Amino acid sequence: MFKWLKWSLLVLAVPAIATHVAVLETTAGSGVITLEEKQYLTDVLRSEAVKALPAEQNYTIMTRENINMMLPPGKAIEDCEGSCLVETGKNISADYIAQGHVGRFADNLTITVELYETAGNKLMGSFSSKARNIESLETEIRQKSQELFARIVASSYGKLDLQPTLEKNIGQESDLVIKIDGESSKDGRKYMRGVWEVPPGMHTVEFTHRCYDSQPFKVNVLSGKTTVVNNPLDLKKKFLSIATEFKGEPRVVPVLVNGEPFGSTPLYDNVPVCAKIEVGEEGFREIVLTDWQGNDKLEIVYKLKAAKLTAEELRADSIRAAEQAAADEAARKAAASESRSKIKTPVSVVLMALGAVGLMMGVYENMVLGSERDKYDKASYSTKAEYDAQWDKVESAETLRNILYGAGAGLIGAGAVVLFVF
């Protein structure tokens, strides 16, 4: 606000240079009209100049008294006509000078009005009319003098170069509205950034934008000069209250406004309405959307999707992780034990059953062994070969019995080990 006020005061401090316009006394041929009629027509022409060249646009229409005071000694205002018109304008410091001359043509009164630029000795324009009487001649003057004096305005226009400064990346150019003297357009064209012709004098320029404060200020435009208006706009601010939560609990995190640090939550402060608001630690930042909807303040409780863990949370997470690991290991062992239990029982039964079969076969072979031994002991063989053959049967039965006893006992023992040890 201070920056804008300072800039505005500098604009207003520029001195206004007025454009002086002199309307000299109307002249006439001898006996055409009276002195009073000439003075009246001069006053009519001067009043029309006042209408066409308003004072608020920095035009000064010199009065009869002003002109008389500035004329050189010994020279009357009525003496000025024709070739001395421009010289007289210079003598009285007039920028433009006009004069009418009344004559007669047939049964009509005529009038010719000329307008000169004194600096360049240039005829700016003129008009001529005729009428049956002095009243009609007055009407002609009122109808045509406005267009004549408008030539001064057209030739003395200044320019406004409108270049309002928006903060980087804040607000769209399309949202910018520019007004000059309360109007947002001229001749059907919307005022936009660029150069615009305006009459000289004081003008009110206003920049409005949804992201910035409206800033009207006065600008003095000089004839033939370009005035650049490029002051920066002040960001529009409103009150924001923002708190943050993570997993249902309040969490203090940094706040950034337009990428710059702006304190931490909970935050209670004025912020630009079009600013980018971010919350969260580095690597965990999240954008907070703000929808003001015409409100002057906004209250937000933002639920963080992720957040940097605190020391307490890291410690609690470590404990939970250790407990979970222990629980997982216990579950794994239980599952392994259950799996082994499901397998060892049938295996043990099979092994022990095979062992029992082996023992029973061993008992049978023991009976075979007894029978073959009895045959050997009681037999009466005529040759040694027959004795040897019978003894081989005894030894074979004994060997097979021992093998079956051993295998059966081993299998029963293995089954017991599977059942009770694993």
Protein backbone atom coordinates (compact mmCIF):
# COMPACT_ATOMS: atom_id res chain seq x y z
CA MET A 1 0.00 0.00 0.00
CA PHE A 2 2.80 2.41 0.91
CA LYS A 3 4.60 1.65 -2.35
CA TRP A 4 1.43 2.40 -4.33
CA LEU A 5 0.77 5.64 -2.39
CA LYS A 6 4.32 6.83 -2.95
CA TRP A 7 4.09 6.09 -6.66
CA SER A 8 0.71 7.86 -6.93
CA LEU A 9 2.05 10.96 -5.19
CA LEU A 10 4.93 11.09 -7.64
CA VAL A 11 2.45 10.92 -10.52
CA LEU A 12 0.29 13.66 -9.03
CA ALA A 13 3.33 15.83 -8.39
CA VAL A 14 3.98 16.26 -12.12
CA PRO A 15 2.94 19.82 -12.93
CA ALA A 16 0.14 20.15 -15.45
CA ILE A 17 1.00 22.25 -18.47
CA ALA A 18 -2.17 23.91 -19.68
CA THR A 19 -2.97 24.48 -23.35
CA HIS A 20 -4.07 28.10 -23.84
CA VAL A 21 -6.65 28.90 -26.50
CA ALA A 22 -7.56 32.49 -27.37
CA VAL A 23 -10.70 33.57 -29.23
CA LEU A 24 -10.14 37.09 -30.53
CA GLU A 25 -12.88 39.60 -31.16
CA THR A 26 -15.03 38.97 -34.21
CA THR A 27 -14.41 41.49 -37.00
CA ALA A 28 -16.90 42.72 -39.61
CA GLY A 29 -17.10 44.96 -42.63
CA SER A 30 -18.19 48.54 -42.14
CA GLY A 31 -21.83 48.76 -41.15
CA VAL A 32 -22.48 45.03 -41.48
CA ILE A 33 -23.26 44.42 -37.78
CA THR A 34 -22.98 46.51 -34.61
CA LEU A 35 -20.17 46.37 -32.02
CA GLU A 36 -22.51 44.70 -29.56
CA GLU A 37 -23.36 42.00 -32.11
CA LYS A 38 -19.69 41.37 -32.83
CA GLN A 39 -18.97 41.01 -29.12
CA TYR A 40 -21.93 38.65 -28.69
CA LEU A 41 -20.82 36.41 -31.56
CA THR A 42 -17.32 36.38 -30.04
CA ASP A 43 -18.80 35.27 -26.71
CA VAL A 44 -20.77 32.53 -28.48
CA LEU A 45 -17.62 31.27 -30.20
CA ARG A 46 -15.69 31.43 -26.92
CA SER A 47 -18.41 29.49 -25.05
CA GLU A 48 -18.34 26.75 -27.68
CA ALA A 49 -14.56 26.56 -27.24
CA VAL A 50 -15.10 26.00 -23.51
CA LYS A 51 -17.50 23.12 -24.27
CA ALA A 52 -15.15 21.47 -26.77
CA LEU A 53 -12.01 21.98 -24.68
CA PRO A 54 -12.85 21.18 -21.02
CA ALA A 55 -10.65 22.47 -18.24
CA GLU A 56 -10.26 18.97 -16.75
CA GLN A 57 -8.31 18.06 -19.87
CA ASN A 58 -5.94 20.92 -19.14
CA TYR A 59 -7.31 23.45 -21.62
CA THR A 60 -7.53 27.12 -20.66
CA ILE A 61 -9.80 29.37 -22.73
CA MET A 62 -8.48 32.90 -22.34
CA THR A 63 -11.04 35.56 -21.44
CA ARG A 64 -11.37 38.97 -23.05
CA GLU A 65 -9.72 40.49 -19.98
CA ASN A 66 -6.76 38.02 -20.11
CA ILE A 67 -6.14 38.90 -23.73
CA ASN A 68 -6.33 42.67 -23.17
CA MET A 69 -3.84 42.45 -20.29
CA MET A 70 -1.26 40.55 -22.38
CA LEU A 71 -1.47 42.63 -25.54
CA PRO A 72 1.49 44.94 -26.24
CA PRO A 73 0.99 48.57 -25.17
CA GLY A 74 -1.07 50.66 -27.55
CA LYS A 75 -2.69 47.65 -29.26
CA ALA A 76 -6.40 46.87 -28.87
CA ILE A 77 -7.97 43.45 -29.24
CA GLU A 78 -10.14 44.74 -32.07
CA ASP A 79 -7.00 45.59 -34.09
CA CYS A 80 -6.07 41.93 -34.55
CA GLU A 81 -7.16 40.26 -37.76
CA GLY A 82 -5.77 38.70 -40.87
CA SER A 83 -2.00 38.29 -41.08
CA CYS A 84 -1.33 39.56 -37.59
CA LEU A 85 -3.53 36.85 -36.01
CA VAL A 86 -0.72 34.33 -35.38
CA GLU A 87 1.67 37.05 -34.21
CA THR A 88 -0.92 38.28 -31.75
CA GLY A 89 -1.34 34.71 -30.46
CA LYS A 90 2.39 34.56 -29.75
CA ASN A 91 2.29 37.93 -28.00
CA ILE A 92 -0.37 36.72 -25.57
CA SER A 93 1.26 33.27 -25.11
CA ALA A 94 -1.66 31.40 -26.69
CA ASP A 95 -1.03 27.95 -28.13
CA TYR A 96 -4.03 28.26 -30.46
CA ILE A 97 -5.92 31.31 -31.62
CA ALA A 98 -9.29 31.65 -33.38
CA GLN A 99 -11.23 34.55 -34.86
CA GLY A 100 -14.40 35.06 -36.82
CA HIS A 101 -15.08 37.60 -39.60
CA VAL A 102 -18.62 38.63 -40.57
CA GLY A 103 -19.47 39.87 -44.04
CA ARG A 104 -22.42 40.13 -46.34
CA PHE A 105 -23.24 38.21 -49.50
CA ALA A 106 -26.35 39.29 -51.40
CA ASP A 107 -29.08 39.40 -48.76
CA ASN A 108 -27.29 37.04 -46.35
CA LEU A 109 -24.85 37.53 -43.52
CA THR A 110 -21.70 35.41 -43.79
CA ILE A 111 -19.12 34.34 -41.27
CA THR A 112 -15.71 32.72 -41.59
CA VAL A 113 -13.92 31.35 -38.54
CA GLU A 114 -10.23 30.38 -38.67
CA LEU A 115 -8.15 28.46 -36.14
CA TYR A 116 -4.33 28.72 -36.04
CA GLU A 117 -1.55 26.96 -34.16
CA THR A 118 0.77 29.75 -33.13
CA ALA A 119 3.98 27.68 -32.68
CA GLY A 120 3.98 26.47 -36.26
CA ASN A 121 2.07 29.33 -37.94
CA LYS A 122 -0.28 26.60 -39.14
CA LEU A 123 -3.92 26.93 -40.10
CA MET A 124 -5.62 24.12 -38.22
CA GLY A 125 -9.00 24.54 -39.87
CA SER A 126 -11.85 26.90 -40.67
CA PHE A 127 -15.53 26.98 -41.54
CA SER A 128 -17.77 29.39 -43.42
CA SER A 129 -21.53 29.83 -43.19
CA LYS A 130 -24.25 32.21 -44.25
CA ALA A 131 -27.60 33.07 -42.74
CA ARG A 132 -30.50 35.47 -43.25
CA ASN A 133 -30.01 37.23 -39.90
CA ILE A 134 -27.82 37.44 -36.82
CA GLU A 135 -29.86 34.84 -34.87
CA SER A 136 -29.45 32.27 -37.62
CA LEU A 137 -25.78 33.11 -37.83
CA GLU A 138 -25.47 32.31 -34.13
CA THR A 139 -27.00 28.88 -34.78
CA GLU A 140 -24.47 28.22 -37.53
CA ILE A 141 -21.60 29.08 -35.18
CA ARG A 142 -22.87 26.73 -32.48
CA GLN A 143 -23.32 23.86 -34.95
CA LYS A 144 -19.91 24.10 -36.63
CA SER A 145 -17.50 25.44 -34.04
CA GLN A 146 -17.43 22.19 -32.01
CA GLU A 147 -15.89 20.26 -34.90
CA LEU A 148 -13.38 23.05 -35.48
CA PHE A 149 -12.14 23.16 -31.88
CA ALA A 150 -12.04 19.34 -31.76
CA ARG A 151 -9.07 19.59 -34.11
CA ILE A 152 -7.06 20.96 -31.20
CA VAL A 153 -7.87 17.92 -29.09
CA ALA A 154 -7.01 15.53 -31.90
CA SER A 155 -3.67 17.23 -32.53
CA SER A 156 -2.72 17.47 -28.88
CA TYR A 157 -3.50 13.90 -27.73
CA GLY A 158 -1.01 12.22 -25.46
CA LYS A 159 -0.44 8.50 -24.97
CA LEU A 160 -0.71 6.11 -22.05
CA ASP A 161 1.57 3.09 -22.22
CA LEU A 162 -0.14 0.69 -19.83
CA GLN A 163 2.22 -2.02 -18.56
CA PRO A 164 1.00 -3.21 -15.13
CA THR A 165 3.46 -5.58 -13.45
CA LEU A 166 2.16 -8.95 -12.22
CA GLU A 167 4.12 -11.08 -9.78
CA LYS A 168 5.90 -14.01 -11.44
CA ASN A 169 3.58 -17.01 -11.95
CA ILE A 170 0.74 -15.41 -9.95
CA GLY A 171 -2.46 -14.72 -11.87
CA GLN A 172 -3.41 -14.96 -15.52
CA GLU A 173 -3.11 -12.03 -17.91
CA SER A 174 -6.67 -12.77 -19.08
CA ASP A 175 -7.99 -11.83 -15.60
CA LEU A 176 -6.53 -8.32 -15.84
CA VAL A 177 -9.08 -5.50 -16.30
CA ILE A 178 -7.88 -1.99 -17.19
CA LYS A 179 -10.08 1.08 -16.89
CA ILE A 180 -9.39 4.64 -17.99
CA ASP A 181 -11.68 7.26 -16.48
CA GLY A 182 -14.06 4.52 -15.34
CA GLU A 183 -14.39 2.92 -18.78
CA SER A 184 -13.01 -0.53 -19.67
CA SER A 185 -13.15 0.02 -23.45
CA LYS A 186 -12.78 2.70 -26.11
CA ASP A 187 -14.63 2.70 -29.44
CA GLY A 188 -15.64 -0.91 -28.83
CA ARG A 189 -12.06 -2.02 -28.06
CA LYS A 190 -11.27 -3.41 -24.61
CA TYR A 191 -8.44 -1.66 -22.83
CA MET A 192 -5.47 -4.02 -22.69
CA ARG A 193 -1.77 -3.84 -22.02
CA GLY A 194 -0.25 -1.44 -24.57
CA VAL A 195 -0.34 2.16 -25.84
CA TRP A 196 -3.60 4.17 -25.93
CA GLU A 197 -4.23 7.73 -27.13
CA VAL A 198 -6.03 10.00 -24.68
CA PRO A 199 -6.68 13.74 -24.45
CA PRO A 200 -4.08 15.67 -22.44
CA GLY A 201 -4.82 16.30 -18.78
CA MET A 202 -5.50 14.27 -15.65
CA HIS A 203 -6.89 10.78 -16.13
CA THR A 204 -7.87 8.07 -13.67
CA VAL A 205 -6.29 4.71 -14.49
CA GLU A 206 -7.38 1.58 -12.61
CA PHE A 207 -5.98 -1.95 -12.72
CA THR A 208 -8.17 -4.74 -11.30
CA HIS A 209 -7.36 -8.44 -11.05
CA ARG A 210 -8.80 -11.23 -8.92
CA CYS A 211 -5.34 -11.92 -7.48
CA TYR A 212 -4.44 -8.28 -6.73
CA ASP A 213 -5.83 -5.27 -4.92
CA SER A 214 -7.66 -2.77 -7.15
CA GLN A 215 -5.39 0.24 -7.68
CA PRO A 216 -6.88 3.46 -9.09
CA PHE A 217 -4.55 6.43 -9.45
CA LYS A 218 -4.25 9.76 -11.25
CA VAL A 219 -2.00 10.22 -14.26
CA ASN A 220 -1.20 13.53 -15.92
CA VAL A 221 -0.96 13.09 -19.70
CA LEU A 222 0.87 15.77 -21.66
CA SER A 223 0.16 16.71 -25.25
CA GLY A 224 2.29 14.71 -27.67
CA LYS A 225 3.98 12.80 -24.84
CA THR A 226 3.84 9.14 -23.80
CA THR A 227 3.34 8.37 -20.12
CA VAL A 228 4.40 4.86 -19.11
CA VAL A 229 2.37 3.25 -16.33
CA ASN A 230 4.22 0.14 -15.16
CA ASN A 231 3.82 0.15 -11.40
CA PRO A 232 3.65 -3.31 -9.76
CA LEU A 233 0.31 -4.47 -8.40
CA ASP A 234 -0.08 -5.39 -4.73
CA LEU A 235 -1.13 -8.98 -4.09
CA LYS A 236 -4.62 -9.36 -2.64
CA LYS A 237 -4.39 -11.05 0.76
CA LYS A 238 -6.91 -12.73 3.03
CA PHE A 239 -6.80 -14.47 6.40
CA LEU A 240 -5.97 -18.19 6.37
CA SER A 241 -6.17 -20.61 9.29
CA ILE A 242 -4.67 -24.00 8.53
CA ALA A 243 -3.95 -26.98 10.79
CA THR A 244 -2.63 -30.42 9.79
CA GLU A 245 -3.32 -33.95 11.01
CA PHE A 246 -1.61 -37.28 10.35
CA LYS A 247 -3.27 -40.58 11.20
CA GLY A 248 -5.93 -38.75 13.19
CA GLU A 249 -3.44 -36.84 15.36
CA PRO A 250 -2.37 -33.15 15.13
CA ARG A 251 0.97 -32.77 13.34
CA VAL A 252 3.22 -29.69 13.16
CA VAL A 253 4.73 -29.33 9.67
CA PRO A 254 6.31 -26.47 7.66
CA VAL A 255 4.12 -24.21 5.47
CA LEU A 256 5.33 -22.79 2.15
CA VAL A 257 3.67 -19.93 0.23
CA ASN A 258 4.68 -19.67 -3.42
CA GLY A 259 7.65 -21.91 -2.68
CA GLU A 260 8.96 -19.78 0.19
CA PRO A 261 8.95 -20.79 3.91
CA PHE A 262 5.98 -19.20 5.72
CA GLY A 263 6.06 -20.65 9.24
CA SER A 264 4.47 -23.90 10.35
CA THR A 265 1.10 -25.36 11.28
CA PRO A 266 -1.10 -24.38 12.93
CA LEU A 267 -0.89 -21.17 10.85
CA TYR A 268 -2.96 -18.03 11.37
CA ASP A 269 -1.94 -15.30 8.93
CA ASN A 270 -2.82 -13.29 5.82
CA VAL A 271 -1.75 -14.95 2.58
CA PRO A 272 -2.12 -14.02 -1.12
CA VAL A 273 -5.45 -15.39 -2.38
CA CYS A 274 -3.86 -16.83 -5.53
CA ALA A 275 -0.79 -18.23 -3.80
CA LYS A 276 0.35 -21.84 -3.97
CA ILE A 277 0.07 -23.24 -0.43
CA GLU A 278 2.15 -26.32 0.50
CA VAL A 279 2.50 -28.21 3.78
CA GLY A 280 4.89 -30.94 4.87
CA GLU A 281 8.58 -31.71 5.33
CA GLU A 282 11.03 -31.90 2.42
CA GLY A 283 10.11 -34.97 0.39
CA PHE A 284 6.60 -35.10 1.90
CA ARG A 285 5.11 -31.81 0.66
CA GLU A 286 1.47 -31.67 -0.36
CA ILE A 287 -0.49 -28.86 -2.05
CA VAL A 288 -3.45 -27.43 -0.13
CA LEU A 289 -6.25 -26.16 -2.37
CA THR A 290 -7.87 -22.89 -1.26
CA ASP A 291 -11.34 -21.92 -2.46
CA TRP A 292 -12.16 -18.52 -1.01
CA GLN A 293 -15.62 -18.21 -2.69
CA GLY A 294 -15.81 -14.53 -1.81
CA ASN A 295 -14.93 -15.11 1.86
CA ASP A 296 -12.45 -12.87 3.67
CA LYS A 297 -11.11 -15.75 5.76
CA LEU A 298 -10.69 -19.48 5.36
CA GLU A 299 -10.27 -22.26 7.94
CA ILE A 300 -8.76 -25.59 6.84
CA VAL A 301 -7.88 -28.79 8.71
CA TYR A 302 -5.74 -30.71 6.24
CA LYS A 303 -5.22 -34.47 6.60
CA LEU A 304 -1.70 -35.39 5.49
CA LYS A 305 -1.39 -38.42 3.22
CA ALA A 306 2.22 -39.01 4.30
CA ALA A 307 4.63 -37.46 6.77
CA LYS A 308 8.18 -37.69 7.99
CA LEU A 309 8.23 -39.88 11.13
CA THR A 310 9.15 -38.33 14.47
CA ALA A 311 11.77 -39.89 16.82
CA GLU A 312 8.98 -41.33 18.99
CA GLU A 313 7.26 -42.83 15.94
CA LEU A 314 10.54 -44.31 14.69
CA ARG A 315 11.14 -45.92 18.11
CA ALA A 316 7.58 -47.27 18.26
CA ASP A 317 7.91 -48.60 14.72
CA SER A 318 11.16 -50.38 15.67
CA ILE A 319 9.49 -52.02 18.67
CA ARG A 320 6.50 -53.06 16.57
CA ALA A 321 8.82 -54.44 13.89
CA ALA A 322 10.77 -56.51 16.47
CA GLU A 323 7.59 -57.84 18.02
CA GLN A 324 6.22 -58.72 14.62
CA ALA A 325 9.45 -60.48 13.67
CA ALA A 326 9.31 -62.56 16.87
CA ALA A 327 5.67 -63.42 16.24
CA ASP A 328 6.48 -64.40 12.67
CA GLU A 329 9.34 -66.68 13.81
CA ALA A 330 7.13 -68.37 16.40
CA ALA A 331 4.45 -68.90 13.83
CA ARG A 332 7.00 -70.34 11.42
CA LYS A 333 8.28 -72.79 14.01
CA ALA A 334 4.77 -73.81 14.98
CA ALA A 335 3.87 -74.37 11.37
CA ALA A 336 7.04 -76.42 10.84
CA SER A 337 6.34 -78.48 13.95
CA GLU A 338 2.78 -79.10 12.86
CA SER A 339 3.99 -80.05 9.41
CA ARG A 340 6.51 -82.51 10.90
CA SER A 341 3.84 -83.93 13.20
CA LYS A 342 1.60 -84.64 10.27
CA ILE A 343 4.41 -86.51 8.52
CA LYS A 344 6.23 -88.37 11.37
CA THR A 345 3.26 -90.37 12.73
CA PRO A 346 2.48 -92.30 9.52
CA VAL A 347 6.21 -92.73 8.82
CA SER A 348 6.77 -94.09 12.34
CA VAL A 349 3.85 -96.51 12.00
CA VAL A 350 5.09 -97.80 8.65
CA LEU A 351 8.63 -98.28 9.95
CA MET A 352 7.45 -100.11 13.07
CA ALA A 353 5.03 -102.26 11.05
CA LEU A 354 7.84 -103.24 8.69
CA GLY A 355 9.98 -104.00 11.74
CA ALA A 356 7.26 -106.29 13.17
CA VAL A 357 7.00 -108.11 9.85
CA GLY A 358 10.79 -108.55 9.87
CA LEU A 359 10.69 -110.03 13.38
CA MET A 360 7.88 -112.40 12.48
CA MET A 361 9.82 -113.57 9.44
CA GLY A 362 12.83 -113.98 11.71
CA VAL A 363 10.74 -116.22 14.04
CA TYR A 364 9.73 -118.31 11.04
CA GLU A 365 13.33 -118.66 9.91
CA ASN A 366 14.28 -119.68 13.45
CA MET A 367 11.71 -122.51 13.20
CA VAL A 368 13.19 -123.50 9.82
CA LEU A 369 16.64 -123.40 11.45
CA GLY A 370 15.46 -125.81 14.25
CA SER A 371 13.96 -128.20 11.75
CA GLU A 372 17.06 -128.29 9.55
CA ARG A 373 19.30 -128.82 12.65
CA ASP A 374 17.18 -131.76 13.76
CA LYS A 375 17.53 -133.27 10.34
CA TYR A 376 21.28 -132.85 10.49
CA ASP A 377 21.55 -134.33 13.95
CA LYS A 378 19.35 -137.35 13.26
CA ALA A 379 20.27 -138.08 9.66
CA SER A 380 22.39 -141.10 8.59
CA TYR A 381 24.11 -140.20 5.42
CA SER A 382 26.36 -142.56 3.48
CA THR A 383 28.64 -139.86 2.16
CA LYS A 384 30.31 -136.71 3.55
CA ALA A 385 28.81 -134.60 0.74
CA GLU A 386 25.30 -135.29 1.97
CA TYR A 387 26.30 -134.16 5.52
CA ASP A 388 27.83 -130.98 4.12
CA ALA A 389 24.74 -130.18 2.07
CA GLN A 390 22.49 -130.50 5.09
CA TRP A 391 24.84 -128.33 7.17
CA ASP A 392 24.69 -125.62 4.53
CA LYS A 393 20.93 -125.50 4.95
CA VAL A 394 21.32 -125.07 8.70
CA GLU A 395 23.76 -122.18 8.29
CA SER A 396 21.63 -120.49 5.58
CA ALA A 397 18.53 -120.60 7.82
CA GLU A 398 20.54 -119.20 10.72
CA THR A 399 21.94 -116.34 8.62
CA LEU A 400 18.51 -115.38 7.24
CA ARG A 401 17.01 -115.48 10.75
CA ASN A 402 19.68 -113.16 12.10
CA ILE A 403 19.19 -110.74 9.20
CA LEU A 404 15.43 -110.64 9.70
CA TYR A 405 15.77 -110.18 13.46
CA GLY A 406 18.20 -107.31 12.94
CA ALA A 407 16.17 -105.62 10.23
CA GLY A 408 12.95 -105.92 12.20
CA ALA A 409 14.50 -104.56 15.37
CA GLY A 410 16.17 -101.70 13.41
CA LEU A 411 12.93 -100.70 11.73
CA ILE A 412 11.02 -100.76 15.01
CA GLY A 413 13.74 -98.63 16.61
CA ALA A 414 13.71 -96.15 13.68
CA GLY A 415 9.94 -95.81 13.95
CA ALA A 416 10.25 -95.09 17.69
CA VAL A 417 12.93 -92.44 17.04
CA VAL A 418 10.75 -90.74 14.39
CA LEU A 419 7.75 -90.74 16.68
CA PHE A 420 9.36 -89.58 19.90
CA VAL A 421 12.43 -87.56 18.91
CA PHE A 422 11.48 -85.52 15.83
